[in-house]
């Protein structure tokens, strides 16, 4: 039985360079990934290097609020 908050939570990662630069003006998309993290092992915000199809390169994707 689960007590209160779950240990593993679902997080959304969003491309940080697309947000800052708005790289491609013709494509209005922002790269997002969905993953899970362990709340006890990683209490801070998660940042991973993932491929962004709008920037056409690997960039830092940071955790955002739901």
N, C-alpha and C. Protein backbone atom coordinates (compact mmCIF):
# COMPACT_ATOMS: atom_id res chain seq x y z
N UNK A 1 0.83 -1.18 0.00
CA UNK A 1 0.00 0.00 0.00
C UNK A 1 0.87 1.24 0.00
N UNK A 2 0.48 2.20 -0.81
CA UNK A 2 1.23 3.45 -0.89
C UNK A 2 0.81 4.38 0.25
N UNK A 3 1.80 4.97 0.88
CA UNK A 3 1.52 5.92 1.96
C UNK A 3 1.85 7.32 1.47
N UNK A 4 0.86 8.14 1.30
CA UNK A 4 1.10 9.53 0.93
C UNK A 4 1.69 9.69 -0.46
N UNK A 5 2.87 10.29 -0.51
CA UNK A 5 3.50 10.59 -1.79
C UNK A 5 4.30 9.40 -2.30
N UNK A 6 4.25 9.17 -3.61
CA UNK A 6 5.03 8.10 -4.22
C UNK A 6 6.49 8.50 -4.30
N UNK A 7 7.37 7.51 -4.28
CA UNK A 7 8.79 7.78 -4.36
C UNK A 7 9.18 8.14 -5.80
N UNK A 8 8.66 7.39 -6.77
CA UNK A 8 8.98 7.67 -8.17
C UNK A 8 7.89 8.57 -8.74
N UNK A 9 8.31 9.68 -9.34
CA UNK A 9 7.37 10.63 -9.91
C UNK A 9 7.67 10.84 -11.38
N UNK A 10 6.66 11.17 -12.14
CA UNK A 10 6.80 11.46 -13.56
C UNK A 10 7.17 12.93 -13.73
N UNK A 11 8.20 13.20 -14.54
CA UNK A 11 8.64 14.57 -14.78
C UNK A 11 8.68 14.84 -16.28
N UNK A 12 8.56 16.12 -16.64
CA UNK A 12 8.61 16.54 -18.03
C UNK A 12 9.89 17.34 -18.22
N UNK A 13 10.69 16.96 -19.23
CA UNK A 13 11.92 17.66 -19.56
C UNK A 13 11.69 18.49 -20.82
N UNK A 14 12.11 19.75 -20.78
CA UNK A 14 11.90 20.67 -21.91
C UNK A 14 13.23 21.27 -22.32
N UNK A 15 13.41 21.45 -23.63
CA UNK A 15 14.66 22.00 -24.17
C UNK A 15 14.86 23.43 -23.69
N UNK A 16 16.03 23.70 -23.11
CA UNK A 16 16.28 25.04 -22.59
C UNK A 16 16.74 26.00 -23.67
N UNK A 17 17.40 25.53 -24.71
CA UNK A 17 17.87 26.44 -25.75
C UNK A 17 16.73 26.88 -26.67
N UNK A 18 15.72 26.05 -26.88
CA UNK A 18 14.56 26.45 -27.67
C UNK A 18 13.77 27.55 -26.97
N UNK A 19 13.67 27.44 -25.65
CA UNK A 19 12.94 28.44 -24.87
C UNK A 19 13.66 29.78 -24.91
N UNK A 20 14.98 29.76 -24.75
CA UNK A 20 15.74 31.02 -24.70
C UNK A 20 15.85 31.68 -26.07
N UNK A 21 16.16 30.89 -27.09
CA UNK A 21 16.50 31.48 -28.38
C UNK A 21 15.37 31.50 -29.39
N UNK A 22 14.36 30.63 -29.22
CA UNK A 22 13.35 30.44 -30.26
C UNK A 22 14.05 30.22 -31.60
N UNK A 23 14.81 29.10 -31.66
CA UNK A 23 15.75 28.80 -32.73
C UNK A 23 15.11 28.89 -34.11
N UNK A 24 14.14 28.03 -34.37
CA UNK A 24 13.49 28.04 -35.69
C UNK A 24 12.20 28.84 -35.61
N UNK A 25 12.14 29.93 -36.32
CA UNK A 25 10.95 30.77 -36.29
C UNK A 25 9.78 30.09 -37.01
N UNK A 26 10.08 29.30 -38.06
CA UNK A 26 9.00 28.66 -38.82
C UNK A 26 8.39 27.47 -38.07
N UNK A 27 9.15 26.80 -37.22
CA UNK A 27 8.58 25.71 -36.42
C UNK A 27 8.30 26.23 -35.02
N UNK A 28 7.06 26.14 -34.61
CA UNK A 28 6.65 26.70 -33.32
C UNK A 28 6.71 25.67 -32.20
N UNK A 29 7.40 24.56 -32.42
CA UNK A 29 7.43 23.50 -31.42
C UNK A 29 8.54 23.66 -30.42
N UNK A 30 8.39 22.97 -29.31
CA UNK A 30 9.40 22.90 -28.27
C UNK A 30 9.57 21.43 -27.93
N UNK A 31 10.81 20.98 -27.87
CA UNK A 31 11.10 19.57 -27.61
C UNK A 31 10.81 19.24 -26.16
N UNK A 32 10.03 18.19 -25.91
CA UNK A 32 9.72 17.74 -24.56
C UNK A 32 9.85 16.22 -24.47
N UNK A 33 10.37 15.76 -23.35
CA UNK A 33 10.48 14.35 -23.05
C UNK A 33 9.80 14.08 -21.71
N UNK A 34 9.24 12.89 -21.55
CA UNK A 34 8.64 12.47 -20.28
C UNK A 34 9.48 11.33 -19.73
N UNK A 35 9.84 11.42 -18.45
CA UNK A 35 10.64 10.39 -17.81
C UNK A 35 10.24 10.31 -16.34
N UNK A 36 10.90 9.44 -15.59
CA UNK A 36 10.64 9.30 -14.17
C UNK A 36 11.90 9.55 -13.38
N UNK A 37 11.73 10.00 -12.13
CA UNK A 37 12.88 10.16 -11.25
C UNK A 37 12.49 9.72 -9.85
N UNK A 38 13.49 9.35 -9.06
CA UNK A 38 13.29 8.97 -7.69
C UNK A 38 13.38 10.23 -6.84
N UNK A 39 12.32 10.56 -6.15
CA UNK A 39 12.24 11.80 -5.38
C UNK A 39 13.27 11.84 -4.24
N UNK A 40 13.58 10.69 -3.63
CA UNK A 40 14.51 10.65 -2.51
C UNK A 40 15.96 10.79 -2.97
N UNK A 41 16.32 10.16 -4.08
CA UNK A 41 17.69 10.21 -4.58
C UNK A 41 18.00 11.52 -5.30
N UNK A 42 17.00 12.13 -5.96
CA UNK A 42 17.20 13.35 -6.73
C UNK A 42 16.16 14.38 -6.33
N UNK A 43 16.36 15.07 -5.22
CA UNK A 43 15.36 16.06 -4.79
C UNK A 43 15.39 17.34 -5.62
N UNK A 44 16.53 17.65 -6.25
CA UNK A 44 16.62 18.88 -7.05
C UNK A 44 16.06 18.62 -8.46
N UNK A 45 15.99 19.69 -9.25
CA UNK A 45 15.46 19.57 -10.61
C UNK A 45 16.43 18.77 -11.49
N UNK A 46 15.87 17.94 -12.34
CA UNK A 46 16.64 17.05 -13.19
C UNK A 46 17.01 17.76 -14.48
N UNK A 47 18.26 17.59 -14.95
CA UNK A 47 18.71 18.12 -16.23
C UNK A 47 19.45 17.02 -16.96
N UNK A 48 19.01 16.70 -18.18
CA UNK A 48 19.65 15.67 -18.99
C UNK A 48 19.95 16.22 -20.37
N UNK A 49 20.98 15.65 -21.01
CA UNK A 49 21.32 16.05 -22.36
C UNK A 49 20.58 15.12 -23.32
N UNK A 50 19.64 15.68 -24.09
CA UNK A 50 18.82 14.90 -25.01
C UNK A 50 18.84 15.56 -26.39
N UNK A 51 18.39 14.83 -27.41
CA UNK A 51 18.34 15.36 -28.76
C UNK A 51 17.09 16.22 -28.95
N UNK A 52 17.27 17.41 -29.49
CA UNK A 52 16.16 18.30 -29.79
C UNK A 52 15.95 18.32 -31.30
N UNK A 53 14.80 17.86 -31.79
CA UNK A 53 14.56 17.85 -33.24
C UNK A 53 14.35 19.24 -33.83
N UNK A 54 14.10 20.25 -33.00
CA UNK A 54 13.91 21.61 -33.50
C UNK A 54 15.24 22.36 -33.60
N UNK A 55 16.19 22.05 -32.74
CA UNK A 55 17.53 22.65 -32.80
C UNK A 55 18.47 21.81 -33.68
N UNK A 56 18.11 20.56 -33.92
CA UNK A 56 18.91 19.60 -34.68
C UNK A 56 20.25 19.32 -34.02
N UNK A 57 20.27 19.24 -32.67
CA UNK A 57 21.48 18.89 -31.93
C UNK A 57 21.10 18.46 -30.52
N UNK A 58 22.09 17.93 -29.80
CA UNK A 58 21.88 17.53 -28.41
C UNK A 58 22.00 18.77 -27.53
N UNK A 59 20.98 19.00 -26.69
CA UNK A 59 20.95 20.17 -25.82
C UNK A 59 20.53 19.73 -24.42
N UNK A 60 20.66 20.64 -23.46
CA UNK A 60 20.23 20.38 -22.09
C UNK A 60 18.71 20.53 -22.01
N UNK A 61 18.08 19.50 -21.47
CA UNK A 61 16.64 19.52 -21.23
C UNK A 61 16.42 19.56 -19.72
N UNK A 62 15.70 20.57 -19.24
CA UNK A 62 15.49 20.73 -17.81
C UNK A 62 14.07 20.39 -17.40
N UNK A 63 13.91 20.03 -16.16
CA UNK A 63 12.61 19.67 -15.61
C UNK A 63 11.74 20.91 -15.46
N UNK A 64 10.46 20.78 -15.84
CA UNK A 64 9.51 21.88 -15.72
C UNK A 64 8.37 21.44 -14.82
N UNK A 65 7.57 22.41 -14.37
CA UNK A 65 6.38 22.11 -13.58
C UNK A 65 5.30 21.53 -14.47
N UNK A 66 4.41 20.74 -13.89
CA UNK A 66 3.30 20.19 -14.64
C UNK A 66 2.19 21.20 -14.73
